[in-house]
Amino acid sequence: MVGAIFLMATSAIGPGFLTQTAVFTEQLLASFAFVILASIILDIGAQLNIWRIIAVTKMKGQEIANTVLPGLGYVVAFLIVLGGLAFNIGNVAGGGLGFNAMIGFSPTTGALLTGVIGVIIFSLKEAQVAMDKIVRYLGALMILLTAYVMVVSHPPYGEAVLRSVVPLEVDVLTIVTVVGGTVGGYISFAGGHRLLDAGITGKENLRQVTNTSITGIAVASVMRIVLFLAVLGVVSAGHVLNPDNPTASVFQIAAGEIGYRIFGLVLFAAGVTSVIGAAYTSVTFLTTFHRNIEPYKNYWTIGFIVLSTAIFVMIGEPVMLLILAGAFNGLILPITLGCILLAAHRPSIVGDYKHPLWMTIFGAIVVVLTIFLGIRTMFQMLPQIFA
């Protein structure tokens, strides 16, 4: 269960998570605390629904979707694998940049080393045990290092607490974006599928599944809060962040040269753990396409990491793929969560299990909000796709 908690949390805490938090904090200042609080509530609503129905049905997300509407699971699996590949390229790149900031390696060399670490983990006989340990230790390390930067940046704690309930500005789109970044795409299924692999399923384990689900959101949110406060301390003191690398400038301004090295370590840890989470979860969705994938899942995961690393090293950022995957990713959560909510109230799928009404309402709110974001993202991306 601890492995599932940190697999989900560190899958969310990727390079994009770090940049997103820094940018939004600089824009909204202390009022970003309200965004974090609102997103935590919505994240819990989304993830509780998904993990509980996975546990009750003992089926993966795409299998549930196929049960709700035959063929839909294949669509969901395709979208998640495509999004996972594109974002894994970004995770590999983030690991490379982390190596660069930490010890001066070139980003390409650092990316190769990040990919090699992922390959080694899934080459081990007890790969899932190794995966659980590395995401746990690196996840804790990221939080502790960022907490140090938070303390030395001297943020206005009182102002942050006040604006978490009385914001000066409310940005609904930012809330939805943060929700998508925490439980969107493959992320909300990472821990749920890990529990499924571990056999922690059935109505008899729902309490453990529920607690694990909430704890996963809590761990990711602690990192979000700590980083938010670190950024807030820097921008409240009148500093302007470097738009090319806002998170790096936060660490450097707050703690000097050592802060920049700490940023490198945090970014490397975020990149490696997200590579592991994206590859593992994406391959759990690939198993739908052929029965022979499951017995060789570790090999497929290694291949996924190698492909992600090779694309980054040979091509750099595949802009078109990232654009398409980013647009699709905005639609993944409402589709998958919508299927989960429909399945939750079908006795033919969940048997005599009664899904709590409040969870359904929470889930429905997230579906509506993320549909809005997905449609808006698609329209934003179309001009770039056809340019």
Protein backbone atom coordinates (compact mmCIF):
# COMPACT_ATOMS: atom_id res chain seq x y z
CA MET A 1 0.00 0.00 0.00
CA VAL A 2 2.91 2.35 0.73
CA GLY A 3 4.26 1.53 -2.72
CA ALA A 4 0.90 2.41 -4.29
CA ILE A 5 0.79 5.70 -2.35
CA PHE A 6 4.21 6.86 -3.53
CA LEU A 7 3.85 5.47 -7.05
CA MET A 8 0.75 7.61 -7.54
CA ALA A 9 2.21 10.65 -5.76
CA THR A 10 5.58 10.61 -7.54
CA SER A 11 3.85 9.99 -10.88
CA ALA A 12 2.08 13.30 -10.26
CA ILE A 13 5.24 15.07 -9.03
CA GLY A 14 7.02 15.24 -12.36
CA PRO A 15 9.02 18.04 -14.01
CA GLY A 16 5.77 19.59 -15.26
CA PHE A 17 4.35 19.59 -11.72
CA LEU A 18 7.33 21.60 -10.47
CA THR A 19 7.14 24.18 -13.26
CA GLN A 20 3.35 24.44 -13.08
CA THR A 21 3.40 25.16 -9.34
CA ALA A 22 6.07 27.85 -9.70
CA VAL A 23 4.29 29.61 -12.59
CA PHE A 24 0.85 29.59 -10.96
CA THR A 25 2.26 30.82 -7.64
CA GLU A 26 3.99 33.73 -9.35
CA GLN A 27 0.71 34.61 -11.11
CA LEU A 28 -1.72 34.24 -8.19
CA LEU A 29 0.63 34.76 -5.23
CA ALA A 30 -0.95 33.67 -1.91
CA SER A 31 -4.33 33.07 -3.58
CA PHE A 32 -2.84 29.95 -5.17
CA ALA A 33 -3.40 28.39 -1.73
CA PHE A 34 -7.15 28.38 -2.50
CA VAL A 35 -6.47 26.62 -5.79
CA ILE A 36 -4.46 23.95 -3.95
CA LEU A 37 -7.19 23.44 -1.34
CA ALA A 38 -9.97 23.21 -3.96
CA SER A 39 -7.92 20.85 -6.12
CA ILE A 40 -7.17 18.55 -3.17
CA ILE A 41 -10.91 18.12 -2.55
CA LEU A 42 -11.57 17.39 -6.24
CA ASP A 43 -8.52 15.10 -6.49
CA ILE A 44 -9.81 13.01 -3.60
CA GLY A 45 -13.26 12.86 -5.21
CA ALA A 46 -11.81 11.57 -8.48
CA GLN A 47 -9.30 9.12 -7.06
CA LEU A 48 -11.59 7.62 -4.43
CA ASN A 49 -14.09 6.66 -7.14
CA ILE A 50 -11.46 5.13 -9.41
CA TRP A 51 -9.54 3.14 -6.80
CA ARG A 52 -12.63 1.79 -5.03
CA ILE A 53 -14.30 0.53 -8.22
CA ILE A 54 -11.03 -1.04 -9.40
CA ALA A 55 -10.86 -2.83 -6.03
CA VAL A 56 -14.51 -3.94 -6.06
CA THR A 57 -14.49 -5.19 -9.66
CA LYS A 58 -10.89 -6.51 -9.52
CA MET A 59 -10.49 -5.10 -13.04
CA LYS A 60 -8.13 -2.57 -14.57
CA GLY A 61 -9.45 0.77 -15.74
CA GLN A 62 -9.65 -0.17 -19.41
CA GLU A 63 -11.38 -3.46 -18.58
CA ILE A 64 -14.04 -1.56 -16.64
CA ALA A 65 -14.48 0.78 -19.63
CA ASN A 66 -14.91 -2.21 -21.97
CA THR A 67 -17.57 -3.60 -19.64
CA VAL A 68 -19.47 -0.31 -19.62
CA LEU A 69 -19.28 0.05 -23.41
CA PRO A 70 -17.59 -2.67 -25.52
CA GLY A 71 -14.57 -1.26 -27.31
CA LEU A 72 -14.30 1.87 -25.15
CA GLY A 73 -11.52 0.30 -23.10
CA TYR A 74 -9.32 0.07 -26.18
CA VAL A 75 -9.86 3.77 -26.86
CA VAL A 76 -9.02 4.64 -23.26
CA ALA A 77 -5.92 2.43 -23.33
CA PHE A 78 -4.72 4.03 -26.58
CA LEU A 79 -5.16 7.55 -25.22
CA ILE A 80 -3.41 6.78 -21.94
CA VAL A 81 -0.49 4.98 -23.60
CA LEU A 82 -0.04 7.80 -26.13
CA GLY A 83 -0.21 10.43 -23.39
CA GLY A 84 2.09 8.35 -21.17
CA LEU A 85 4.69 8.09 -23.94
CA ALA A 86 4.65 11.81 -24.68
CA PHE A 87 4.86 12.80 -21.05
CA ASN A 88 7.52 10.17 -20.40
CA ILE A 89 9.69 11.92 -22.98
CA GLY A 90 9.29 15.03 -20.84
CA ASN A 91 10.10 13.04 -17.69
CA VAL A 92 13.31 11.70 -19.26
CA ALA A 93 14.22 15.23 -20.32
CA GLY A 94 13.51 16.45 -16.77
CA GLY A 95 15.84 13.80 -15.34
CA GLY A 96 18.51 14.93 -17.80
CA LEU A 97 18.14 18.57 -16.80
CA GLY A 98 18.29 17.51 -13.16
CA PHE A 99 21.64 15.79 -13.76
CA ASN A 100 22.82 18.94 -15.55
CA ALA A 101 21.94 21.21 -12.61
CA MET A 102 23.16 18.73 -10.00
CA ILE A 103 26.59 17.71 -11.32
CA GLY A 104 27.03 19.43 -14.69
CA PHE A 105 26.35 16.53 -17.06
CA SER A 106 24.86 17.51 -20.40
CA PRO A 107 21.04 17.15 -20.52
CA THR A 108 21.37 14.40 -23.14
CA THR A 109 23.81 12.38 -21.01
CA GLY A 110 21.60 12.93 -17.98
CA ALA A 111 18.54 11.76 -19.94
CA LEU A 112 20.38 8.59 -20.98
CA LEU A 113 21.33 7.90 -17.35
CA THR A 114 17.73 8.50 -16.27
CA GLY A 115 16.54 5.96 -18.83
CA VAL A 116 19.24 3.48 -17.77
CA ILE A 117 18.13 3.71 -14.13
CA GLY A 118 14.56 2.92 -15.17
CA VAL A 119 15.72 -0.03 -17.27
CA ILE A 120 17.82 -1.43 -14.40
CA ILE A 121 14.87 -1.28 -11.99
CA PHE A 122 12.58 -3.26 -14.28
CA SER A 123 15.37 -5.71 -15.11
CA LEU A 124 15.52 -6.90 -11.51
CA LYS A 125 13.86 -10.14 -10.48
CA GLU A 126 11.81 -8.32 -7.83
CA ALA A 127 11.13 -5.29 -10.04
CA GLN A 128 7.92 -4.22 -8.31
CA VAL A 129 9.56 -4.34 -4.88
CA ALA A 130 12.45 -2.22 -6.21
CA MET A 131 9.96 0.18 -7.83
CA ASP A 132 8.07 0.56 -4.55
CA LYS A 133 11.28 1.34 -2.65
CA ILE A 134 12.79 3.84 -5.08
CA VAL A 135 9.59 5.90 -5.46
CA ARG A 136 9.18 5.90 -1.67
CA TYR A 137 12.71 7.06 -0.89
CA LEU A 138 13.03 9.56 -3.72
CA GLY A 139 9.53 10.90 -3.00
CA ALA A 140 10.45 11.54 0.64
CA LEU A 141 13.77 13.07 -0.43
CA MET A 142 12.03 15.53 -2.78
CA ILE A 143 9.70 16.72 -0.03
CA LEU A 144 12.48 17.12 2.56
CA LEU A 145 14.79 19.06 0.22
CA THR A 146 12.00 21.35 -0.95
CA ALA A 147 10.96 21.90 2.68
CA TYR A 148 14.48 23.18 3.41
CA VAL A 149 14.18 25.69 0.55
CA MET A 150 10.73 26.67 1.85
CA VAL A 151 12.14 27.45 5.30
CA VAL A 152 15.04 29.56 4.02
CA SER A 153 12.76 31.51 1.64
CA HIS A 154 10.73 32.84 4.62
CA PRO A 155 7.24 32.72 3.06
CA PRO A 156 4.29 34.65 4.58
CA TYR A 157 2.64 31.63 6.21
CA GLY A 158 -0.25 33.62 7.69
CA GLU A 159 -1.13 35.18 4.35
CA ALA A 160 -1.09 31.77 2.69
CA VAL A 161 -3.44 30.29 5.31
CA LEU A 162 -5.82 33.25 4.99
CA ARG A 163 -5.92 33.16 1.18
CA SER A 164 -6.61 29.42 1.20
CA VAL A 165 -10.16 30.30 2.29
CA VAL A 166 -10.41 34.00 1.35
CA PRO A 167 -8.63 34.31 -2.01
CA LEU A 168 -8.17 37.66 -3.72
CA GLU A 169 -8.61 35.93 -7.07
CA VAL A 170 -10.36 32.69 -8.07
CA ASP A 171 -9.21 31.05 -11.29
CA VAL A 172 -11.39 28.03 -12.10
CA LEU A 173 -9.27 27.07 -15.10
CA THR A 174 -6.17 26.91 -12.90
CA ILE A 175 -8.01 24.66 -10.44
CA VAL A 176 -9.01 22.27 -13.21
CA THR A 177 -5.48 22.32 -14.64
CA VAL A 178 -4.00 21.43 -11.26
CA VAL A 179 -6.56 18.62 -10.83
CA GLY A 180 -5.61 17.26 -14.27
CA GLY A 181 -1.93 17.45 -13.36
CA THR A 182 -2.48 15.50 -10.14
CA VAL A 183 -4.97 12.79 -11.15
CA GLY A 184 -5.24 13.19 -14.94
CA GLY A 185 -4.25 10.68 -17.60
CA TYR A 186 -2.45 7.63 -16.28
CA ILE A 187 -1.71 9.12 -12.83
CA SER A 188 -4.98 8.25 -11.05
CA PHE A 189 -4.63 4.62 -12.19
CA ALA A 190 -0.97 4.20 -11.16
CA GLY A 191 -1.66 3.34 -7.54
CA GLY A 192 -4.99 1.62 -8.25
CA HIS A 193 -3.37 -0.80 -10.69
CA ARG A 194 -0.48 -1.33 -8.25
CA LEU A 195 -2.94 -2.42 -5.55
CA LEU A 196 -4.62 -4.68 -8.10
CA ASP A 197 -1.27 -6.33 -8.90
CA ALA A 198 -0.66 -6.76 -5.17
CA GLY A 199 -4.03 -8.45 -4.68
CA ILE A 200 -5.42 -5.77 -2.35
CA THR A 201 -8.95 -5.89 -3.78
CA GLY A 202 -12.52 -6.83 -2.88
CA LYS A 203 -15.05 -5.24 -0.56
CA GLU A 204 -13.16 -6.59 2.46
CA ASN A 205 -10.21 -4.32 1.61
CA LEU A 206 -12.15 -1.14 0.77
CA ARG A 207 -11.10 0.61 3.97
CA GLN A 208 -7.42 0.08 3.15
CA VAL A 209 -8.00 1.11 -0.47
CA THR A 210 -9.82 4.27 0.61
CA ASN A 211 -7.13 5.24 3.11
CA THR A 212 -4.36 4.53 0.60
CA SER A 213 -6.11 6.60 -2.06
CA ILE A 214 -6.47 9.63 0.22
CA THR A 215 -2.91 9.28 1.49
CA GLY A 216 -1.58 9.28 -2.08
CA ILE A 217 -3.31 12.61 -2.74
CA ALA A 218 -2.01 13.89 0.61
CA VAL A 219 1.63 13.07 -0.24
CA ALA A 220 1.41 14.79 -3.65
CA SER A 221 -0.36 17.75 -2.02
CA VAL A 222 2.29 18.11 0.69
CA MET A 223 4.90 18.49 -2.06
CA ARG A 224 2.65 21.00 -3.84
CA ILE A 225 2.15 23.04 -0.64
CA VAL A 226 5.83 23.01 0.32
CA LEU A 227 6.90 24.08 -3.16
CA PHE A 228 4.16 26.73 -3.27
CA LEU A 229 5.40 28.24 0.00
CA ALA A 230 9.00 28.19 -1.23
CA VAL A 231 8.01 30.06 -4.40
CA LEU A 232 5.75 32.42 -2.44
CA GLY A 233 8.63 33.37 -0.15
CA VAL A 234 10.80 34.26 -3.14
CA VAL A 235 8.22 36.25 -5.15
CA SER A 236 6.87 37.99 -2.02
CA ALA A 237 10.35 39.35 -1.46
CA GLY A 238 10.13 41.05 -4.86
CA HIS A 239 12.16 38.63 -6.96
CA VAL A 240 11.14 37.83 -10.54
CA LEU A 241 11.45 34.22 -11.65
CA ASN A 242 13.32 33.23 -14.79
CA PRO A 243 10.57 32.29 -17.28
CA ASP A 244 12.87 29.73 -18.93
CA ASN A 245 13.26 27.79 -15.67
CA PRO A 246 11.12 29.31 -12.91
CA THR A 247 11.58 26.49 -10.39
CA ALA A 248 15.38 26.56 -10.68
CA SER A 249 15.41 30.29 -10.04
CA VAL A 250 13.29 29.78 -6.88
CA PHE A 251 15.82 27.34 -5.41
CA GLN A 252 18.79 29.48 -6.45
CA ILE A 253 17.38 32.76 -5.14
CA ALA A 254 16.36 31.18 -1.85
CA ALA A 255 19.48 29.11 -1.12
CA GLY A 256 22.20 30.27 -3.50
CA GLU A 257 24.46 27.82 -5.33
CA ILE A 258 23.59 24.98 -2.97
CA GLY A 259 19.94 25.70 -3.71
CA TYR A 260 20.58 25.25 -7.42
CA ARG A 261 22.23 21.87 -6.76
CA ILE A 262 19.29 20.89 -4.56
CA PHE A 263 16.97 21.82 -7.43
CA GLY A 264 18.96 19.50 -9.69
CA LEU A 265 18.54 16.63 -7.24
CA VAL A 266 14.81 17.32 -6.83
CA LEU A 267 14.29 17.54 -10.61
CA PHE A 268 16.29 14.34 -11.14
CA ALA A 269 14.19 12.53 -8.51
CA ALA A 270 10.97 13.90 -10.04
CA GLY A 271 12.08 12.77 -13.50
CA VAL A 272 13.15 9.25 -12.49
CA THR A 273 10.09 8.50 -10.36
CA SER A 274 7.74 9.83 -13.04
CA VAL A 275 9.51 7.74 -15.69
CA ILE A 276 8.90 4.67 -13.53
CA GLY A 277 5.25 5.56 -12.86
CA ALA A 278 4.41 6.48 -16.45
CA ALA A 279 6.06 3.39 -17.92
CA TYR A 280 4.59 0.94 -15.40
CA THR A 281 1.05 2.33 -15.63
CA SER A 282 1.06 2.72 -19.42
CA VAL A 283 2.07 -0.93 -19.84
CA THR A 284 -0.76 -2.04 -17.51
CA PHE A 285 -3.07 -0.50 -20.11
CA LEU A 286 -1.20 -2.16 -22.99
CA THR A 287 -2.06 -5.60 -21.57
CA THR A 288 -5.58 -5.17 -22.98
CA PHE A 289 -4.34 -5.44 -26.56
CA HIS A 290 -2.82 -8.94 -26.33
CA ARG A 291 -2.83 -11.66 -23.69
CA ASN A 292 0.90 -12.33 -24.11
CA ILE A 293 1.85 -8.84 -22.88
CA GLU A 294 0.99 -9.56 -19.22
CA PRO A 295 3.55 -12.40 -18.70
CA TYR A 296 6.30 -10.20 -20.16
CA LYS A 297 5.16 -6.93 -18.61
CA ASN A 298 8.60 -5.96 -17.30
CA TYR A 299 10.15 -6.34 -20.76
CA TRP A 300 7.43 -4.16 -22.25
CA THR A 301 8.06 -1.58 -19.52
CA ILE A 302 11.77 -1.58 -20.32
CA GLY A 303 10.93 -1.14 -24.01
CA PHE A 304 8.64 1.77 -23.16
CA ILE A 305 11.44 3.51 -21.23
CA VAL A 306 13.99 2.83 -23.99
CA LEU A 307 11.63 4.24 -26.63
CA SER A 308 10.93 7.38 -24.56
CA THR A 309 14.65 7.95 -23.99
CA ALA A 310 15.58 7.29 -27.63
CA ILE A 311 12.98 9.74 -28.93
CA PHE A 312 14.29 12.48 -26.64
CA VAL A 313 17.96 11.80 -27.47
CA MET A 314 17.46 11.53 -31.24
CA ILE A 315 14.73 14.08 -31.89
CA GLY A 316 14.54 16.30 -28.83
CA GLU A 317 11.03 17.44 -28.09
CA PRO A 318 8.63 15.89 -30.60
CA VAL A 319 6.40 18.95 -30.69
CA MET A 320 3.52 17.48 -32.68
CA LEU A 321 3.30 14.37 -30.50
CA LEU A 322 3.35 16.47 -27.35
CA ILE A 323 0.64 18.77 -28.72
CA LEU A 324 -1.63 15.89 -29.68
CA ALA A 325 -1.02 13.97 -26.47
CA GLY A 326 -1.58 17.09 -24.35
CA ALA A 327 -4.92 17.68 -26.06
CA PHE A 328 -5.95 14.03 -25.66
CA ASN A 329 -4.85 14.00 -22.02
CA GLY A 330 -7.36 16.72 -21.25
CA LEU A 331 -10.10 14.31 -22.28
CA ILE A 332 -8.78 11.15 -20.63
CA LEU A 333 -9.88 11.85 -17.04
CA PRO A 334 -13.55 12.63 -17.81
CA ILE A 335 -13.80 9.56 -20.05
CA THR A 336 -12.21 7.18 -17.56
CA LEU A 337 -13.89 8.67 -14.50
CA GLY A 338 -17.23 8.78 -16.33
CA CYS A 339 -16.90 5.04 -17.06
CA ILE A 340 -16.05 4.39 -13.41
CA LEU A 341 -19.15 6.28 -12.23
CA LEU A 342 -21.39 4.38 -14.64
CA ALA A 343 -19.87 1.07 -13.58
CA ALA A 344 -20.27 1.95 -9.89
CA HIS A 345 -24.06 1.82 -10.22
CA ARG A 346 -24.40 -1.30 -12.38
CA PRO A 347 -25.08 -4.46 -10.35
CA SER A 348 -23.91 -6.55 -13.31
CA ILE A 349 -20.43 -5.05 -12.79
CA VAL A 350 -20.13 -4.35 -9.04
CA GLY A 351 -22.56 -6.97 -7.71
CA ASP A 352 -24.24 -6.00 -4.43
CA TYR A 353 -21.76 -3.21 -3.70
CA LYS A 354 -23.46 0.15 -2.99
CA HIS A 355 -21.36 3.13 -4.05
CA PRO A 356 -21.71 6.18 -1.75
CA LEU A 357 -23.78 8.99 -3.31
CA TRP A 358 -21.40 11.71 -2.16
CA MET A 359 -18.52 10.04 -4.03
CA THR A 360 -20.63 9.92 -7.19
CA ILE A 361 -21.47 13.63 -6.85
CA PHE A 362 -17.81 14.52 -6.33
CA GLY A 363 -16.83 12.44 -9.32
CA ALA A 364 -19.53 14.02 -11.50
CA ILE A 365 -18.24 17.50 -10.64
CA VAL A 366 -14.72 16.52 -11.70
CA VAL A 367 -16.06 15.02 -14.95
CA VAL A 368 -17.90 18.24 -15.85
CA LEU A 369 -14.92 20.46 -15.03
CA THR A 370 -12.41 18.34 -16.93
CA ILE A 371 -14.69 18.08 -19.98
CA PHE A 372 -14.65 21.88 -20.05
CA LEU A 373 -10.85 21.93 -19.81
CA GLY A 374 -10.46 19.20 -22.43
CA ILE A 375 -12.65 20.96 -24.99
CA ARG A 376 -10.92 24.26 -24.33
CA THR A 377 -7.50 22.60 -24.71
CA MET A 378 -8.51 20.94 -27.98
CA PHE A 379 -9.62 24.25 -29.48
CA GLN A 380 -6.40 25.89 -28.32
CA MET A 381 -4.30 23.16 -29.90
CA LEU A 382 -6.05 22.86 -33.28
CA PRO A 383 -4.42 25.98 -34.80
CA GLN A 384 -0.97 24.69 -33.75
CA ILE A 385 -1.66 21.19 -35.11
CA PHE A 386 -2.66 22.46 -38.55
CA ALA A 387 -0.18 25.34 -38.68
